Amino acid sequence: MIYQHRLCSLWNRVGSGEIHKAPRKWQDWLSDTGSLTQKIELTIGQKLEVKILSDCRQNLKYDESRIFLFKIRRCRIREVLLCINNTPLVMARSIIPIFSSSGSNQDILRLGKKPLGAVLFARNKNKQGKRNNFESRKKYPCPKNKAIREIARLGKNSSIWQSSYKKYHDLPLNPWGRRTLYKLKGRPILVSEIFLPNLIKN
């Protein structure tokens, strides 16, 4: 199945030990399995704002297309900044194939300035809200199906750094990032997140 294909290139699975190469201050952010939106809001104590940089059909990068077995080379790509008080904390790039946004998944096409997590984590959040006992690891509810997550330090020669810099010129050199292949009702959506310095300054 498409979502079982291993992510590739400079990205490494969280469980591969690569996480220990990241500074300790970034490790919790890189390895967290829950909603990034909720984690930021609970950590900082303020509501997250979404600044849309681009939301249109684009060509996938080679390693992104490879994840989908080269069956998808162009689709909707949404790029945003996640901000607090107009200060960017994370830059996110979401790849949404046509077959992943049809039928009962159409809400993902009407996000507006809502974060993608509002759709990805909504169903499970509602279910967990009905339970009385919460484990600490469920503080940030996860999608029903386990997602594949990889991390990387993104040099200026990487394709994702270069394309991101064109849309956000304050992008630092060699930031840490993660990308996750989620399943929304069984259909894949690839989300890459680049962590910006202000995230840990707050």
N, C-alpha and C. Protein backbone atom coordinates (compact mmCIF):
# COMPACT_ATOMS: atom_id res chain seq x y z
N MET A 1 0.85 -1.19 0.00
CA MET A 1 0.00 0.00 0.00
C MET A 1 0.89 1.25 0.00
N ILE A 2 0.38 2.35 -0.51
CA ILE A 2 1.19 3.54 -0.71
C ILE A 2 1.81 4.02 0.59
N TYR A 3 1.01 4.08 1.66
CA TYR A 3 1.51 4.68 2.88
C TYR A 3 2.50 3.79 3.62
N GLN A 4 2.70 2.56 3.18
CA GLN A 4 3.67 1.69 3.80
C GLN A 4 5.05 1.81 3.16
N HIS A 5 5.13 2.55 2.05
CA HIS A 5 6.41 2.70 1.37
C HIS A 5 7.32 3.57 2.21
N ARG A 6 8.56 3.17 2.37
CA ARG A 6 9.46 3.87 3.27
C ARG A 6 9.82 5.25 2.74
N LEU A 7 9.79 6.22 3.66
CA LEU A 7 10.25 7.55 3.30
C LEU A 7 11.75 7.49 3.03
N CYS A 8 12.26 8.44 2.26
CA CYS A 8 13.61 8.24 1.75
C CYS A 8 14.47 9.50 1.84
N SER A 9 15.62 9.46 1.15
CA SER A 9 16.60 10.52 1.02
C SER A 9 17.21 10.90 2.35
N LEU A 10 17.31 12.23 2.63
CA LEU A 10 17.99 12.66 3.83
C LEU A 10 17.17 12.41 5.09
N TRP A 11 15.94 12.00 4.94
CA TRP A 11 15.07 11.77 6.08
C TRP A 11 15.34 10.40 6.71
N ASN A 12 15.25 10.34 8.04
CA ASN A 12 15.48 9.11 8.78
C ASN A 12 14.34 8.88 9.77
N ARG A 13 13.97 7.63 9.92
CA ARG A 13 12.92 7.29 10.88
C ARG A 13 13.31 7.75 12.28
N VAL A 14 12.33 8.17 13.04
CA VAL A 14 12.57 8.62 14.41
C VAL A 14 13.23 7.51 15.22
N GLY A 15 12.83 6.28 15.00
CA GLY A 15 13.36 5.17 15.77
C GLY A 15 14.72 4.69 15.34
N SER A 16 15.32 5.35 14.33
CA SER A 16 16.61 4.88 13.80
C SER A 16 17.79 5.33 14.65
N GLY A 17 17.56 6.20 15.62
CA GLY A 17 18.63 6.76 16.43
C GLY A 17 19.03 8.15 15.98
N GLU A 18 18.53 8.59 14.83
CA GLU A 18 18.85 9.91 14.31
C GLU A 18 18.40 11.01 15.26
N ILE A 19 17.37 10.74 16.02
CA ILE A 19 16.84 11.74 16.96
C ILE A 19 17.90 12.21 17.94
N HIS A 20 18.86 11.33 18.27
CA HIS A 20 19.88 11.68 19.27
C HIS A 20 20.95 12.61 18.70
N LYS A 21 20.93 12.81 17.38
CA LYS A 21 21.85 13.77 16.77
C LYS A 21 21.30 15.19 16.88
N ALA A 22 20.03 15.31 17.15
CA ALA A 22 19.42 16.63 17.30
C ALA A 22 19.70 17.17 18.70
N PRO A 23 19.83 18.49 18.84
CA PRO A 23 19.97 19.07 20.17
C PRO A 23 18.81 18.65 21.06
N ARG A 24 19.09 18.45 22.33
CA ARG A 24 18.06 17.96 23.24
C ARG A 24 16.82 18.85 23.24
N LYS A 25 17.01 20.16 23.05
CA LYS A 25 15.87 21.09 23.07
C LYS A 25 14.88 20.83 21.93
N TRP A 26 15.34 20.15 20.86
CA TRP A 26 14.47 19.87 19.73
C TRP A 26 13.90 18.47 19.76
N GLN A 27 14.47 17.58 20.54
CA GLN A 27 14.10 16.17 20.45
C GLN A 27 12.63 15.90 20.77
N ASP A 28 12.10 16.57 21.77
CA ASP A 28 10.69 16.35 22.13
C ASP A 28 9.76 16.80 21.01
N TRP A 29 10.11 17.90 20.36
CA TRP A 29 9.28 18.41 19.26
C TRP A 29 9.35 17.48 18.06
N LEU A 30 10.52 16.96 17.79
CA LEU A 30 10.71 16.09 16.63
C LEU A 30 10.02 14.75 16.79
N SER A 31 10.00 14.23 18.00
CA SER A 31 9.50 12.87 18.22
C SER A 31 8.06 12.80 18.66
N ASP A 32 7.46 13.92 19.01
CA ASP A 32 6.08 13.91 19.50
C ASP A 32 5.13 13.35 18.46
N THR A 33 4.21 12.52 18.89
CA THR A 33 3.30 11.84 17.96
C THR A 33 1.91 12.45 17.89
N GLY A 34 1.70 13.52 18.62
CA GLY A 34 0.36 14.10 18.65
C GLY A 34 0.21 15.32 17.76
N SER A 35 -0.82 16.08 18.03
CA SER A 35 -1.12 17.28 17.27
C SER A 35 -0.11 18.38 17.59
N LEU A 36 0.63 18.84 16.58
CA LEU A 36 1.59 19.91 16.79
C LEU A 36 0.89 21.20 17.21
N THR A 37 -0.26 21.46 16.62
CA THR A 37 -1.03 22.65 16.99
C THR A 37 -1.34 22.67 18.47
N GLN A 38 -1.85 21.56 18.98
CA GLN A 38 -2.20 21.51 20.41
C GLN A 38 -0.97 21.58 21.29
N LYS A 39 0.11 20.95 20.86
CA LYS A 39 1.33 20.98 21.66
C LYS A 39 1.86 22.40 21.79
N ILE A 40 1.85 23.15 20.68
CA ILE A 40 2.31 24.54 20.72
C ILE A 40 1.42 25.37 21.62
N GLU A 41 0.10 25.22 21.45
CA GLU A 41 -0.83 26.05 22.23
C GLU A 41 -0.75 25.73 23.72
N LEU A 42 -0.58 24.47 24.06
CA LEU A 42 -0.48 24.11 25.48
C LEU A 42 0.86 24.52 26.06
N THR A 43 1.91 24.47 25.26
CA THR A 43 3.24 24.84 25.74
C THR A 43 3.36 26.35 25.94
N ILE A 44 2.85 27.11 24.98
CA ILE A 44 3.00 28.56 25.02
C ILE A 44 1.82 29.24 25.68
N GLY A 45 0.67 28.59 25.65
CA GLY A 45 -0.50 29.15 26.32
C GLY A 45 -1.24 30.20 25.52
N GLN A 46 -1.06 30.18 24.21
CA GLN A 46 -1.76 31.13 23.35
C GLN A 46 -2.29 30.41 22.12
N LYS A 47 -3.26 31.04 21.47
CA LYS A 47 -3.89 30.47 20.29
C LYS A 47 -2.97 30.61 19.09
N LEU A 48 -2.89 29.55 18.32
CA LEU A 48 -2.03 29.53 17.14
C LEU A 48 -2.72 30.22 15.97
N GLU A 49 -1.93 30.95 15.19
CA GLU A 49 -2.42 31.61 13.98
C GLU A 49 -1.80 30.93 12.77
N VAL A 50 -2.54 30.88 11.67
CA VAL A 50 -2.04 30.26 10.44
C VAL A 50 -1.91 31.34 9.37
N LYS A 51 -0.70 31.48 8.83
CA LYS A 51 -0.46 32.40 7.73
C LYS A 51 -0.22 31.56 6.48
N ILE A 52 -1.10 31.67 5.50
CA ILE A 52 -1.01 30.86 4.29
C ILE A 52 0.00 31.49 3.32
N LEU A 53 1.00 30.71 2.94
CA LEU A 53 1.99 31.16 1.98
C LEU A 53 1.62 30.74 0.56
N SER A 54 1.05 29.55 0.45
CA SER A 54 0.67 29.01 -0.86
C SER A 54 -0.33 27.89 -0.65
N ASP A 55 -1.33 27.82 -1.52
CA ASP A 55 -2.31 26.74 -1.45
C ASP A 55 -2.83 26.50 -2.86
N CYS A 56 -2.14 25.63 -3.59
CA CYS A 56 -2.48 25.42 -5.00
C CYS A 56 -1.85 24.12 -5.50
N ARG A 57 -2.16 23.78 -6.74
CA ARG A 57 -1.57 22.59 -7.35
C ARG A 57 -0.11 22.89 -7.72
N GLN A 58 0.77 21.97 -7.32
CA GLN A 58 2.20 22.12 -7.60
C GLN A 58 2.78 20.76 -7.96
N ASN A 59 3.98 20.79 -8.50
CA ASN A 59 4.71 19.55 -8.73
C ASN A 59 5.34 19.07 -7.43
N LEU A 60 5.30 17.77 -7.21
CA LEU A 60 5.96 17.20 -6.05
C LEU A 60 7.46 17.13 -6.29
N LYS A 61 8.23 17.17 -5.22
CA LYS A 61 9.66 16.94 -5.32
C LYS A 61 9.88 15.45 -5.55
N TYR A 62 11.06 15.12 -6.05
CA TYR A 62 11.33 13.73 -6.41
C TYR A 62 11.08 12.78 -5.24
N ASP A 63 11.63 13.10 -4.07
CA ASP A 63 11.48 12.18 -2.94
C ASP A 63 10.05 12.14 -2.42
N GLU A 64 9.29 13.24 -2.63
CA GLU A 64 7.88 13.23 -2.25
C GLU A 64 7.08 12.32 -3.18
N SER A 65 7.35 12.45 -4.48
CA SER A 65 6.66 11.61 -5.45
C SER A 65 6.99 10.13 -5.24
N ARG A 66 8.22 9.87 -4.83
CA ARG A 66 8.64 8.49 -4.60
C ARG A 66 7.83 7.84 -3.48
N ILE A 67 7.46 8.62 -2.49
CA ILE A 67 6.65 8.09 -1.39
C ILE A 67 5.33 7.53 -1.92
N PHE A 68 4.80 8.16 -2.94
CA PHE A 68 3.55 7.72 -3.55
C PHE A 68 3.79 6.81 -4.75
N LEU A 69 4.99 6.19 -4.78
CA LEU A 69 5.35 5.24 -5.83
C LEU A 69 5.31 5.86 -7.21
N PHE A 70 5.55 7.17 -7.27
CA PHE A 70 5.59 7.94 -8.53
C PHE A 70 4.25 7.95 -9.25
N LYS A 71 3.19 7.57 -8.55
CA LYS A 71 1.86 7.62 -9.15
C LYS A 71 1.27 9.02 -9.08
N ILE A 72 1.87 9.86 -8.25
CA ILE A 72 1.42 11.25 -8.11
C ILE A 72 2.62 12.15 -8.34
N ARG A 73 2.53 13.04 -9.28
CA ARG A 73 3.62 13.98 -9.54
C ARG A 73 3.17 15.43 -9.38
N ARG A 74 1.87 15.62 -9.33
CA ARG A 74 1.34 16.98 -9.18
C ARG A 74 0.02 16.89 -8.42
N CYS A 75 -0.14 17.71 -7.40
CA CYS A 75 -1.39 17.71 -6.64
C CYS A 75 -1.45 18.98 -5.78
N ARG A 76 -2.45 19.08 -4.97
CA ARG A 76 -2.59 20.25 -4.11
C ARG A 76 -1.52 20.22 -3.02
N ILE A 77 -0.83 21.36 -2.88
CA ILE A 77 0.19 21.51 -1.84
C ILE A 77 -0.12 22.79 -1.07
N ARG A 78 -0.21 22.66 0.23
CA ARG A 78 -0.54 23.80 1.09
C ARG A 78 0.67 24.12 1.97
N GLU A 79 1.16 25.34 1.88
CA GLU A 79 2.33 25.77 2.66
C GLU A 79 1.93 26.93 3.55
N VAL A 80 2.23 26.80 4.83
CA VAL A 80 1.79 27.81 5.81
C VAL A 80 2.87 28.06 6.85
N LEU A 81 2.72 29.16 7.55
CA LEU A 81 3.49 29.44 8.75
C LEU A 81 2.55 29.33 9.94
N LEU A 82 2.97 28.63 10.97
CA LEU A 82 2.23 28.58 12.22
C LEU A 82 2.84 29.62 13.16
N CYS A 83 2.01 30.56 13.59
CA CYS A 83 2.52 31.72 14.31
C CYS A 83 1.82 31.92 15.66
N ILE A 84 2.50 32.61 16.54
CA ILE A 84 1.92 33.15 17.77
C ILE A 84 2.25 34.63 17.80
N ASN A 85 1.23 35.48 17.91
CA ASN A 85 1.43 36.93 17.89
C ASN A 85 2.25 37.37 16.67
N ASN A 86 1.91 36.80 15.52
CA ASN A 86 2.56 37.12 14.25
C ASN A 86 4.02 36.69 14.16
N THR A 87 4.47 35.91 15.13
CA THR A 87 5.84 35.39 15.11
C THR A 87 5.83 33.96 14.59
N PRO A 88 6.46 33.67 13.46
CA PRO A 88 6.47 32.32 12.92
C PRO A 88 7.25 31.35 13.81
N LEU A 89 6.63 30.21 14.09
CA LEU A 89 7.25 29.18 14.91
C LEU A 89 7.56 27.92 14.11
N VAL A 90 6.72 27.63 13.11
CA VAL A 90 6.87 26.43 12.30
C VAL A 90 6.45 26.75 10.88
N MET A 91 7.16 26.18 9.92
CA MET A 91 6.73 26.25 8.53
C MET A 91 6.30 24.85 8.13
N ALA A 92 5.09 24.73 7.57
CA ALA A 92 4.53 23.42 7.25
C ALA A 92 4.17 23.33 5.77
N ARG A 93 4.40 22.15 5.21
CA ARG A 93 4.09 21.87 3.81
C ARG A 93 3.27 20.58 3.77
N SER A 94 2.04 20.67 3.29
CA SER A 94 1.13 19.52 3.27
C SER A 94 0.82 19.12 1.83
N ILE A 95 1.04 17.86 1.52
CA ILE A 95 0.75 17.32 0.19
C ILE A 95 -0.54 16.52 0.27
N ILE A 96 -1.54 16.96 -0.47
CA ILE A 96 -2.89 16.41 -0.37
C ILE A 96 -3.32 15.85 -1.74
N PRO A 97 -3.13 14.56 -1.98
CA PRO A 97 -3.56 13.97 -3.25
C PRO A 97 -5.06 14.10 -3.45
N ILE A 98 -5.49 14.11 -4.71
CA ILE A 98 -6.91 14.26 -5.02
C ILE A 98 -7.74 13.17 -4.35
N PHE A 99 -7.24 11.92 -4.40
CA PHE A 99 -8.03 10.82 -3.83
C PHE A 99 -8.05 10.85 -2.30
N SER A 100 -7.22 11.70 -1.69
CA SER A 100 -7.22 11.83 -0.24
C SER A 100 -8.14 12.95 0.24
N SER A 101 -8.67 13.73 -0.71
CA SER A 101 -9.52 14.86 -0.33
C SER A 101 -10.91 14.75 -0.95
N SER A 102 -11.30 13.54 -1.32
CA SER A 102 -12.62 13.33 -1.91
C SER A 102 -13.56 12.66 -0.92
N GLY A 103 -14.82 12.60 -1.28
CA GLY A 103 -15.80 11.94 -0.43
C GLY A 103 -15.89 12.56 0.95
N SER A 104 -15.82 11.73 1.99
CA SER A 104 -15.97 12.22 3.36
C SER A 104 -14.76 12.99 3.85
N ASN A 105 -13.70 13.08 3.03
CA ASN A 105 -12.50 13.84 3.41
C ASN A 105 -12.51 15.26 2.85
N GLN A 106 -13.61 15.70 2.30
CA GLN A 106 -13.64 17.00 1.63
C GLN A 106 -13.40 18.18 2.56
N ASP A 107 -13.56 17.97 3.86
CA ASP A 107 -13.32 19.07 4.80
C ASP A 107 -11.90 19.60 4.70
N ILE A 108 -10.99 18.75 4.24
CA ILE A 108 -9.59 19.17 4.16
C ILE A 108 -9.38 20.22 3.08
N LEU A 109 -10.36 20.36 2.18
CA LEU A 109 -10.27 21.38 1.13
C LEU A 109 -10.82 22.72 1.60
N ARG A 110 -11.41 22.75 2.78
CA ARG A 110 -12.03 23.97 3.28
C ARG A 110 -11.40 24.43 4.59
N LEU A 111 -10.11 24.27 4.69
CA LEU A 111 -9.41 24.62 5.93
C LEU A 111 -9.37 26.13 6.17
N GLY A 112 -9.22 26.90 5.09
CA GLY A 112 -9.05 28.34 5.29
C GLY A 112 -7.80 28.58 6.13
N LYS A 113 -7.96 29.31 7.23
CA LYS A 113 -6.82 29.60 8.11
C LYS A 113 -6.78 28.67 9.32
N LYS A 114 -7.50 27.57 9.23
CA LYS A 114 -7.40 26.57 10.29
C LYS A 114 -6.19 25.69 10.04
N PRO A 115 -5.53 25.22 11.10
CA PRO A 115 -4.42 24.28 10.90
C PRO A 115 -4.92 22.93 10.43
N LEU A 116 -4.08 22.23 9.69
CA LEU A 116 -4.45 20.92 9.15
C LEU A 116 -4.82 19.94 10.26
N GLY A 117 -4.18 20.08 11.41
CA GLY A 117 -4.48 19.19 12.53
C GLY A 117 -5.93 19.23 12.96
N ALA A 118 -6.62 20.34 12.64
CA ALA A 118 -8.04 20.44 12.99
C ALA A 118 -8.86 19.34 12.33
N VAL A 119 -8.37 18.86 11.18
CA VAL A 119 -9.04 17.77 10.48
C VAL A 119 -8.40 16.43 10.83
N LEU A 120 -7.07 16.38 10.80
CA LEU A 120 -6.37 15.12 11.02
C LEU A 120 -6.64 14.51 12.39
N PHE A 121 -6.78 15.36 13.40
CA PHE A 121 -6.91 14.86 14.76
C PHE A 121 -8.31 15.01 15.33
N ALA A 122 -9.23 15.60 14.57
CA ALA A 122 -10.56 15.94 15.10
C ALA A 122 -11.34 14.72 15.58
N ARG A 123 -11.43 13.68 14.75
CA ARG A 123 -12.26 12.51 15.10
C ARG A 123 -11.76 11.83 16.36
N ASN A 124 -10.44 11.65 16.44
CA ASN A 124 -9.92 10.95 17.60
C ASN A 124 -10.02 11.79 18.86
N LYS A 125 -9.91 13.12 18.69
CA LYS A 125 -10.05 14.01 19.84
C LYS A 125 -11.43 13.91 20.44
N ASN A 126 -12.45 13.85 19.58
CA ASN A 126 -13.82 13.75 20.08
C ASN A 126 -14.04 12.44 20.83
N LYS A 127 -13.48 11.37 20.31
CA LYS A 127 -13.63 10.07 20.97
C LYS A 127 -12.94 10.07 22.32
N GLN A 128 -11.73 10.63 22.38
CA GLN A 128 -11.00 10.60 23.63
C GLN A 128 -11.61 11.55 24.65
N GLY A 129 -12.30 12.57 24.17
CA GLY A 129 -12.92 13.51 25.09
C GLY A 129 -14.01 12.87 25.93
N LYS A 130 -14.52 11.72 25.49
CA LYS A 130 -15.58 11.04 26.21
C LYS A 130 -15.04 10.11 27.30
N ARG A 131 -13.72 9.93 27.31
CA ARG A 131 -13.14 9.03 28.29
C ARG A 131 -12.80 9.80 29.56
N ASN A 132 -12.88 9.14 30.67
CA ASN A 132 -12.60 9.80 31.95
C ASN A 132 -11.13 9.76 32.31
N ASN A 133 -10.43 8.71 31.94
CA ASN A 133 -9.04 8.54 32.33
C ASN A 133 -8.11 8.77 31.14
N PHE A 134 -7.20 9.71 31.31
CA PHE A 134 -6.25 10.02 30.24
C PHE A 134 -4.85 9.61 30.69
N GLU A 135 -4.11 8.98 29.78
CA GLU A 135 -2.70 8.74 30.01
C GLU A 135 -1.97 9.97 29.53
N SER A 136 -0.82 10.28 30.14
CA SER A 136 -0.11 11.49 29.77
C SER A 136 0.29 11.48 28.30
N ARG A 137 0.57 10.31 27.75
CA ARG A 137 0.99 10.25 26.36
C ARG A 137 -0.16 10.52 25.40
N LYS A 138 -1.41 10.59 25.92
CA LYS A 138 -2.57 10.87 25.08
C LYS A 138 -3.03 12.32 25.22
N LYS A 139 -2.15 13.15 25.79
CA LYS A 139 -2.51 14.55 25.97
C LYS A 139 -2.81 15.20 24.63
N TYR A 140 -2.04 14.81 23.60
CA TYR A 140 -2.26 15.33 22.27
C TYR A 140 -2.76 14.16 21.42
N PRO A 141 -4.07 14.01 21.22
CA PRO A 141 -4.62 12.83 20.56
C PRO A 141 -4.06 12.60 19.17
N CYS A 142 -3.88 11.33 18.81
CA CYS A 142 -3.30 10.94 17.53
C CYS A 142 -4.36 10.36 16.61
N PRO A 143 -4.12 10.36 15.31
CA PRO A 143 -5.03 9.69 14.40
C PRO A 143 -5.12 8.22 14.74
N LYS A 144 -6.21 7.59 14.32
CA LYS A 144 -6.46 6.20 14.68
C LYS A 144 -5.35 5.30 14.18
N ASN A 145 -4.88 5.51 12.94
CA ASN A 145 -3.83 4.69 12.38
C ASN A 145 -2.47 5.31 12.64
N LYS A 146 -1.51 4.49 13.02
CA LYS A 146 -0.18 4.98 13.34
C LYS A 146 0.46 5.61 12.11
N ALA A 147 1.01 6.81 12.29
CA ALA A 147 1.63 7.52 11.18
C ALA A 147 3.11 7.17 11.09
N ILE A 148 3.66 7.29 9.88
CA ILE A 148 5.08 7.10 9.66
C ILE A 148 5.75 8.46 9.79
N ARG A 149 6.77 8.56 10.66
CA ARG A 149 7.41 9.87 10.89
C ARG A 149 8.92 9.75 10.71
N GLU A 150 9.48 10.75 10.02
CA GLU A 150 10.93 10.84 9.85
C GLU A 150 11.39 12.25 10.19
N ILE A 151 12.69 12.38 10.50
CA ILE A 151 13.26 13.67 10.85
C ILE A 151 14.51 13.91 10.02
N ALA A 152 14.92 15.19 9.94
CA ALA A 152 16.13 15.53 9.20
C ALA A 152 16.58 16.93 9.60
N ARG A 153 17.88 17.15 9.44
CA ARG A 153 18.40 18.51 9.51
C ARG A 153 18.54 18.98 8.07
N LEU A 154 17.88 20.07 7.75
CA LEU A 154 17.72 20.48 6.36
C LEU A 154 18.76 21.51 5.95
N GLY A 155 19.74 21.05 5.19
CA GLY A 155 20.76 21.96 4.69
C GLY A 155 20.25 22.79 3.53
N LYS A 156 21.00 23.84 3.19
CA LYS A 156 20.53 24.74 2.13
C LYS A 156 20.55 24.09 0.76
N ASN A 157 21.20 22.95 0.63
CA ASN A 157 21.20 22.24 -0.64
C ASN A 157 20.02 21.29 -0.81
N SER A 158 19.25 21.11 0.25
CA SER A 158 18.09 20.22 0.17
C SER A 158 16.97 20.92 -0.59
N SER A 159 16.21 20.16 -1.34
CA SER A 159 15.15 20.75 -2.17
C SER A 159 14.07 21.42 -1.34
N ILE A 160 13.76 20.83 -0.18
CA ILE A 160 12.69 21.41 0.63
C ILE A 160 13.14 22.72 1.26
N TRP A 161 14.42 22.82 1.65
CA TRP A 161 14.92 24.09 2.20
C TRP A 161 14.87 25.17 1.12
N GLN A 162 15.31 24.84 -0.07
CA GLN A 162 15.36 25.82 -1.15
C GLN A 162 13.98 26.33 -1.53
N SER A 163 13.02 25.43 -1.65
CA SER A 163 11.68 25.86 -2.02
C SER A 163 11.01 26.63 -0.88
N SER A 164 11.30 26.24 0.35
CA SER A 164 10.73 26.93 1.51
C SER A 164 11.31 28.34 1.64
N TYR A 165 12.59 28.48 1.36
CA TYR A 165 13.25 29.78 1.45
C TYR A 165 12.65 30.78 0.45
N LYS A 166 12.23 30.29 -0.70
CA LYS A 166 11.63 31.17 -1.70
C LYS A 166 10.34 31.80 -1.18
N LYS A 167 9.67 31.10 -0.28
CA LYS A 167 8.40 31.60 0.25
C LYS A 167 8.55 32.29 1.61
N TYR A 168 9.66 31.97 2.29
CA TYR A 168 9.89 32.57 3.61
C TYR A 168 11.39 32.85 3.75
N HIS A 169 11.77 34.11 3.48
CA HIS A 169 13.18 34.47 3.39
C HIS A 169 13.90 34.52 4.73
N ASP A 170 13.16 34.44 5.82
CA ASP A 170 13.80 34.40 7.13
C ASP A 170 14.09 32.97 7.59
N LEU A 171 13.93 32.01 6.69
CA LEU A 171 14.21 30.62 7.04
C LEU A 171 15.69 30.48 7.39
N PRO A 172 16.00 29.95 8.58
CA PRO A 172 17.41 29.82 8.99
C PRO A 172 18.11 28.69 8.25
N LEU A 173 19.43 28.70 8.30
CA LEU A 173 20.21 27.61 7.74
C LEU A 173 20.15 26.39 8.65
N ASN A 174 20.10 25.23 8.06
CA ASN A 174 20.17 23.95 8.78
C ASN A 174 19.13 23.78 9.89
N PRO A 175 17.88 24.11 9.63
CA PRO A 175 16.86 23.88 10.66
C PRO A 175 16.54 22.39 10.77
N TRP A 176 16.01 21.99 11.91
CA TRP A 176 15.53 20.62 12.07
C TRP A 176 14.07 20.57 11.63
N GLY A 177 13.69 19.45 11.05
CA GLY A 177 12.31 19.28 10.61
C GLY A 177 11.88 17.83 10.72
N ARG A 178 10.62 17.62 10.56
CA ARG A 178 10.07 16.27 10.55
C ARG A 178 9.03 16.20 9.45
N ARG A 179 8.79 15.00 8.95
CA ARG A 179 7.69 14.82 8.01
C ARG A 179 6.97 13.52 8.37
N THR A 180 5.67 13.58 8.20
CA THR A 180 4.82 12.50 8.66
C THR A 180 3.84 12.12 7.56
N LEU A 181 3.72 10.83 7.34
CA LEU A 181 2.73 10.33 6.38
C LEU A 181 1.52 9.88 7.17
N TYR A 182 0.52 10.76 7.22
CA TYR A 182 -0.71 10.47 7.96
C TYR A 182 -1.68 9.72 7.06
N LYS A 183 -2.67 9.12 7.69
CA LYS A 183 -3.78 8.52 6.95
C LYS A 183 -5.08 9.14 7.45
N LEU A 184 -5.78 9.79 6.56
CA LEU A 184 -7.08 10.36 6.88
C LEU A 184 -8.14 9.43 6.31
N LYS A 185 -8.75 8.65 7.20
CA LYS A 185 -9.71 7.62 6.79
C LYS A 185 -9.08 6.68 5.76
N GLY A 186 -7.84 6.32 6.02
CA GLY A 186 -7.14 5.36 5.19
C GLY A 186 -6.43 5.93 3.97
N ARG A 187 -6.51 7.24 3.76
CA ARG A 187 -5.92 7.85 2.58
C ARG A 187 -4.74 8.75 2.99
N PRO A 188 -3.62 8.67 2.26
CA PRO A 188 -2.38 9.32 2.71
C PRO A 188 -2.33 10.82 2.48
N ILE A 189 -1.74 11.51 3.46
CA ILE A 189 -1.44 12.94 3.37
C ILE A 189 -0.05 13.12 3.97
N LEU A 190 0.85 13.73 3.22
CA LEU A 190 2.23 13.91 3.67
C LEU A 190 2.40 15.33 4.21
N VAL A 191 2.85 15.44 5.45
CA VAL A 191 3.03 16.75 6.09
C VAL A 191 4.49 16.90 6.52
N SER A 192 5.15 17.94 6.01
CA SER A 192 6.52 18.28 6.43
C SER A 192 6.46 19.54 7.28
N GLU A 193 7.21 19.53 8.39
CA GLU A 193 7.21 20.67 9.31
C GLU A 193 8.64 21.06 9.63
N ILE A 194 8.96 22.33 9.40
CA ILE A 194 10.29 22.86 9.71
C ILE A 194 10.17 23.71 10.96
N PHE A 195 10.97 23.37 11.97
CA PHE A 195 10.90 24.07 13.25
C PHE A 195 11.81 25.30 13.22
N LEU A 196 11.24 26.44 13.57
CA LEU A 196 11.94 27.72 13.54
C LEU A 196 12.44 28.10 14.93
N PRO A 197 13.51 28.88 15.02
CA PRO A 197 14.13 29.20 16.33
C PRO A 197 13.18 29.77 17.37
N ASN A 198 12.20 30.56 16.94
CA ASN A 198 11.30 31.20 17.92
C ASN A 198 10.42 30.18 18.66
N LEU A 199 10.32 28.98 18.16
CA LEU A 199 9.50 27.97 18.82
C LEU A 199 10.02 27.67 20.22
N ILE A 200 11.34 27.63 20.38
CA ILE A 200 11.90 27.31 21.69
C ILE A 200 12.36 28.55 22.46
N LYS A 201 12.14 29.73 21.88
CA LYS A 201 12.44 30.97 22.59
C LYS A 201 11.28 31.42 23.43
N ASN A 202 10.07 30.90 23.11
CA ASN A 202 8.86 31.32 23.82
C ASN A 202 8.76 30.58 25.15
